[in-house]
Amino acid sequence: MRLRKLVGRLLIGTMAVTTALTATGVPAAAGNPYTPTGVNDRTAHGGYPEPWRPSIQEDWLGPAGRYCTFPLQVRIVSQDVRVRVLARHTNGTVQLEEYAGPLTVDFVNADTGQAVRRDAGGSGLLEYRPDGTWLRYTIVGPAGFGFRPEDPYARGYYILDGLHVISIDPSGVRDLTLAVGEQDNVCVALGDQAV
């Protein structure tokens, strides 16, 4: 718990410095290592960070073989997740979004009905390429993330608690490139032996 608070404060502090430098008009030039490269002038989008807005999480069903050997059903129990844009690319697309807020989820083995409840209400920074595809997702957990058979990290749907960074290559392959904390594979908790 202490690690989570410390990492969360460090992450928020880093974001605040970056946001403050952007907001004070320090140019996003090669000489300024604190401002994301290629970020459009903040006045073009009304300033950064943009206001918080709700991010409604939906129930979903992952087919057998994607994350678990069985179909994985995800049911939202309670939520108050928010999202805000921290930076945009020069073409106007989102470059960096921050997510935060409570989220409780039931994970269900759709074949057996067995369920486990998990807290997934951490915070995260999602970084996008100019074309809108994901580049990197930084989590201060707990938060959920799935790895598929084609990903280098072991297949499963994980609750990542602590500091975790997932890098996504241009073809969509996901890899856990930094893991400080726990990785709880809910597929195993629901009886998956083949992970």
Protein backbone atom coordinates (compact mmCIF):
# COMPACT_ATOMS: atom_id res chain seq x y z
CA MET A 1 0.00 0.00 0.00
CA ARG A 2 2.85 2.41 0.81
CA LEU A 3 4.53 1.60 -2.51
CA ARG A 4 1.29 2.36 -4.35
CA LYS A 5 0.94 5.77 -2.67
CA LEU A 6 4.60 6.64 -3.27
CA VAL A 7 4.52 5.61 -6.92
CA GLY A 8 1.20 7.38 -7.42
CA ARG A 9 2.57 10.62 -5.97
CA LEU A 10 5.71 10.34 -8.10
CA LEU A 11 3.66 9.74 -11.26
CA ILE A 12 1.25 12.61 -10.50
CA GLY A 13 4.20 14.89 -9.64
CA THR A 14 5.89 14.12 -12.94
CA MET A 15 2.64 14.80 -14.81
CA ALA A 16 2.16 18.06 -12.91
CA VAL A 17 5.66 19.29 -13.83
CA THR A 18 5.10 18.39 -17.49
CA THR A 19 1.69 20.07 -17.46
CA ALA A 20 3.02 23.17 -15.71
CA LEU A 21 5.86 23.55 -18.20
CA THR A 22 3.42 23.17 -21.09
CA ALA A 23 0.97 25.63 -19.52
CA THR A 24 3.63 28.30 -18.89
CA GLY A 25 4.45 28.44 -22.55
CA VAL A 26 7.81 26.67 -22.40
CA PRO A 27 8.16 25.55 -26.03
CA ALA A 28 8.03 21.89 -26.95
CA ALA A 29 11.36 22.21 -28.70
CA ALA A 30 14.37 19.94 -28.75
CA GLY A 31 15.93 21.97 -25.92
CA ASN A 32 13.06 21.28 -23.51
CA PRO A 33 13.19 17.68 -22.25
CA TYR A 34 10.10 18.13 -20.05
CA THR A 35 7.48 18.72 -22.72
CA PRO A 36 6.29 15.86 -24.96
CA THR A 37 7.63 16.23 -28.49
CA GLY A 38 5.12 17.18 -31.16
CA VAL A 39 2.54 18.58 -28.74
CA ASN A 40 0.41 21.27 -30.31
CA ASP A 41 0.30 24.79 -28.83
CA ARG A 42 -1.93 24.48 -25.75
CA THR A 43 -4.06 27.46 -26.74
CA ALA A 44 -5.27 25.62 -29.84
CA HIS A 45 -7.21 23.22 -27.58
CA GLY A 46 -8.13 25.51 -24.69
CA GLY A 47 -5.24 24.58 -22.41
CA TYR A 48 -3.98 21.46 -20.66
CA PRO A 49 -4.99 19.44 -18.91
CA GLU A 50 -8.44 19.34 -20.44
CA PRO A 51 -11.38 18.87 -18.01
CA TRP A 52 -12.15 15.50 -16.48
CA ARG A 53 -15.03 13.57 -18.08
CA PRO A 54 -16.65 10.22 -17.22
CA SER A 55 -15.14 7.07 -18.72
CA ILE A 56 -17.91 4.48 -18.60
CA GLN A 57 -16.60 0.93 -18.47
CA GLU A 58 -18.82 -1.70 -20.11
CA ASP A 59 -19.32 -5.41 -19.46
CA TRP A 60 -17.59 -7.59 -22.06
CA LEU A 61 -16.92 -11.19 -23.01
CA GLY A 62 -13.53 -12.40 -24.25
CA PRO A 63 -13.67 -15.58 -26.35
CA ALA A 64 -11.97 -18.79 -25.19
CA GLY A 65 -8.27 -18.64 -26.05
CA ARG A 66 -7.87 -14.86 -26.07
CA TYR A 67 -6.93 -14.43 -22.39
CA CYS A 68 -8.03 -17.68 -20.75
CA THR A 69 -8.71 -21.20 -22.08
CA PHE A 70 -12.41 -20.51 -21.34
CA PRO A 71 -14.59 -17.52 -22.31
CA LEU A 72 -13.87 -14.71 -19.82
CA GLN A 73 -16.84 -12.57 -18.88
CA VAL A 74 -16.19 -9.21 -17.22
CA ARG A 75 -19.02 -7.59 -15.24
CA ILE A 76 -18.74 -4.09 -13.84
CA VAL A 77 -19.94 -4.00 -10.22
CA SER A 78 -19.33 -0.32 -9.44
CA GLN A 79 -17.42 2.51 -11.09
CA ASP A 80 -16.59 6.19 -11.11
CA VAL A 81 -13.72 6.25 -13.59
CA ARG A 82 -12.70 9.60 -15.06
CA VAL A 83 -10.45 10.50 -17.99
CA ARG A 84 -8.80 13.73 -19.16
CA VAL A 85 -6.51 14.70 -22.01
CA LEU A 86 -3.07 15.88 -20.89
CA ALA A 87 -1.53 16.48 -24.33
CA ARG A 88 -2.39 16.41 -28.03
CA HIS A 89 -0.30 15.76 -31.11
CA THR A 90 0.18 18.61 -33.60
CA ASN A 91 -2.54 17.00 -35.77
CA GLY A 92 -5.03 17.41 -32.90
CA THR A 93 -5.29 13.76 -31.93
CA VAL A 94 -4.86 12.77 -28.29
CA GLN A 95 -1.26 12.05 -27.30
CA LEU A 96 -1.64 11.46 -23.55
CA GLU A 97 -4.70 10.64 -21.42
CA GLU A 98 -4.94 10.16 -17.67
CA TYR A 99 -7.45 7.70 -16.15
CA ALA A 100 -8.39 7.56 -12.45
CA GLY A 101 -11.22 6.50 -10.18
CA PRO A 102 -12.75 3.54 -8.39
CA LEU A 103 -13.70 0.42 -10.35
CA THR A 104 -14.83 -2.95 -8.99
CA VAL A 105 -15.13 -5.86 -11.41
CA ASP A 106 -16.40 -9.46 -11.32
CA PHE A 107 -14.43 -11.82 -13.58
CA VAL A 108 -16.43 -14.91 -14.54
CA ASN A 109 -15.46 -18.23 -16.11
CA ALA A 110 -18.36 -18.33 -18.59
CA ASP A 111 -18.12 -22.16 -18.85
CA THR A 112 -18.45 -22.87 -15.11
CA GLY A 113 -19.98 -19.70 -13.66
CA GLN A 114 -17.14 -19.41 -11.13
CA ALA A 115 -16.43 -15.75 -10.33
CA VAL A 116 -13.84 -13.62 -8.53
CA ARG A 117 -14.22 -9.97 -7.58
CA ARG A 118 -11.29 -7.58 -7.97
CA ASP A 119 -10.53 -3.91 -7.32
CA ALA A 120 -9.34 -2.40 -10.62
CA GLY A 121 -9.58 1.23 -9.53
CA GLY A 122 -6.03 2.46 -9.93
CA SER A 123 -4.80 5.16 -12.25
CA GLY A 124 -3.07 5.17 -15.58
CA LEU A 125 -1.51 7.16 -18.39
CA LEU A 126 -2.32 6.06 -21.93
CA GLU A 127 0.02 7.35 -24.63
CA TYR A 128 -1.10 7.32 -28.27
CA ARG A 129 0.68 7.56 -31.60
CA PRO A 130 -0.46 10.35 -33.98
CA ASP A 131 -2.60 7.77 -35.86
CA GLY A 132 -4.55 7.01 -32.65
CA THR A 133 -3.03 3.59 -31.91
CA TRP A 134 -1.72 2.84 -28.44
CA LEU A 135 2.00 3.32 -27.80
CA ARG A 136 2.33 2.77 -24.04
CA TYR A 137 0.12 2.33 -21.00
CA THR A 138 1.54 3.19 -17.57
CA ILE A 139 -0.46 1.84 -14.64
CA VAL A 140 -0.33 2.65 -10.95
CA GLY A 141 -2.57 -0.21 -9.95
CA PRO A 142 -4.64 -1.98 -9.27
CA ALA A 143 -5.84 -1.97 -12.86
CA GLY A 144 -6.71 -4.68 -15.39
CA PHE A 145 -4.89 -5.53 -18.61
CA GLY A 146 -4.97 -8.54 -20.92
CA PHE A 147 -2.21 -10.36 -22.77
CA ARG A 148 -3.03 -12.60 -25.74
CA PRO A 149 -1.23 -15.65 -27.17
CA GLU A 150 0.70 -13.49 -29.67
CA ASP A 151 2.09 -11.23 -26.92
CA PRO A 152 5.54 -11.95 -25.37
CA TYR A 153 4.16 -11.80 -21.80
CA ALA A 154 2.28 -14.86 -20.54
CA ARG A 155 -1.30 -15.01 -21.80
CA GLY A 156 -3.96 -14.03 -19.28
CA TYR A 157 -6.04 -11.18 -17.93
CA TYR A 158 -4.18 -9.54 -15.06
CA ILE A 159 -4.87 -7.20 -12.21
CA LEU A 160 -1.62 -5.26 -12.08
CA ASP A 161 -0.98 -3.69 -8.67
CA GLY A 162 1.95 -1.32 -8.32
CA LEU A 163 3.82 0.38 -11.16
CA HIS A 164 3.54 -1.36 -14.54
CA VAL A 165 4.33 -0.21 -18.06
CA ILE A 166 2.90 -1.98 -21.11
CA SER A 167 4.45 -1.14 -24.48
CA ILE A 168 2.42 -1.75 -27.63
CA ASP A 169 4.22 -2.03 -30.96
CA PRO A 170 2.67 -0.67 -34.20
CA SER A 171 1.22 -4.11 -35.05
CA GLY A 172 -0.61 -4.22 -31.66
CA VAL A 173 1.66 -6.69 -29.85
CA ARG A 174 1.68 -5.92 -26.11
CA ASP A 175 4.61 -6.44 -23.75
CA LEU A 176 5.02 -5.80 -20.03
CA THR A 177 8.22 -3.75 -20.04
CA LEU A 178 8.24 -2.67 -16.38
CA ALA A 179 6.71 -4.52 -13.45
CA VAL A 180 7.09 -3.28 -9.88
CA GLY A 181 4.39 -4.92 -7.80
CA GLU A 182 2.00 -7.83 -8.20
CA GLN A 183 0.52 -9.47 -11.29
CA ASP A 184 -2.66 -11.41 -10.45
CA ASN A 185 -3.79 -13.54 -13.43
CA VAL A 186 -7.55 -13.89 -12.93
CA CYS A 187 -7.62 -16.77 -15.45
CA VAL A 188 -5.61 -18.87 -12.95
CA ALA A 189 -7.88 -17.76 -10.10
CA LEU A 190 -10.82 -19.04 -12.17
CA GLY A 191 -9.29 -22.48 -12.77
CA ASP A 192 -7.14 -22.00 -15.87
CA GLN A 193 -4.30 -24.52 -15.80
CA ALA A 194 -2.96 -23.96 -19.33
CA VAL A 195 -1.63 -20.42 -18.89
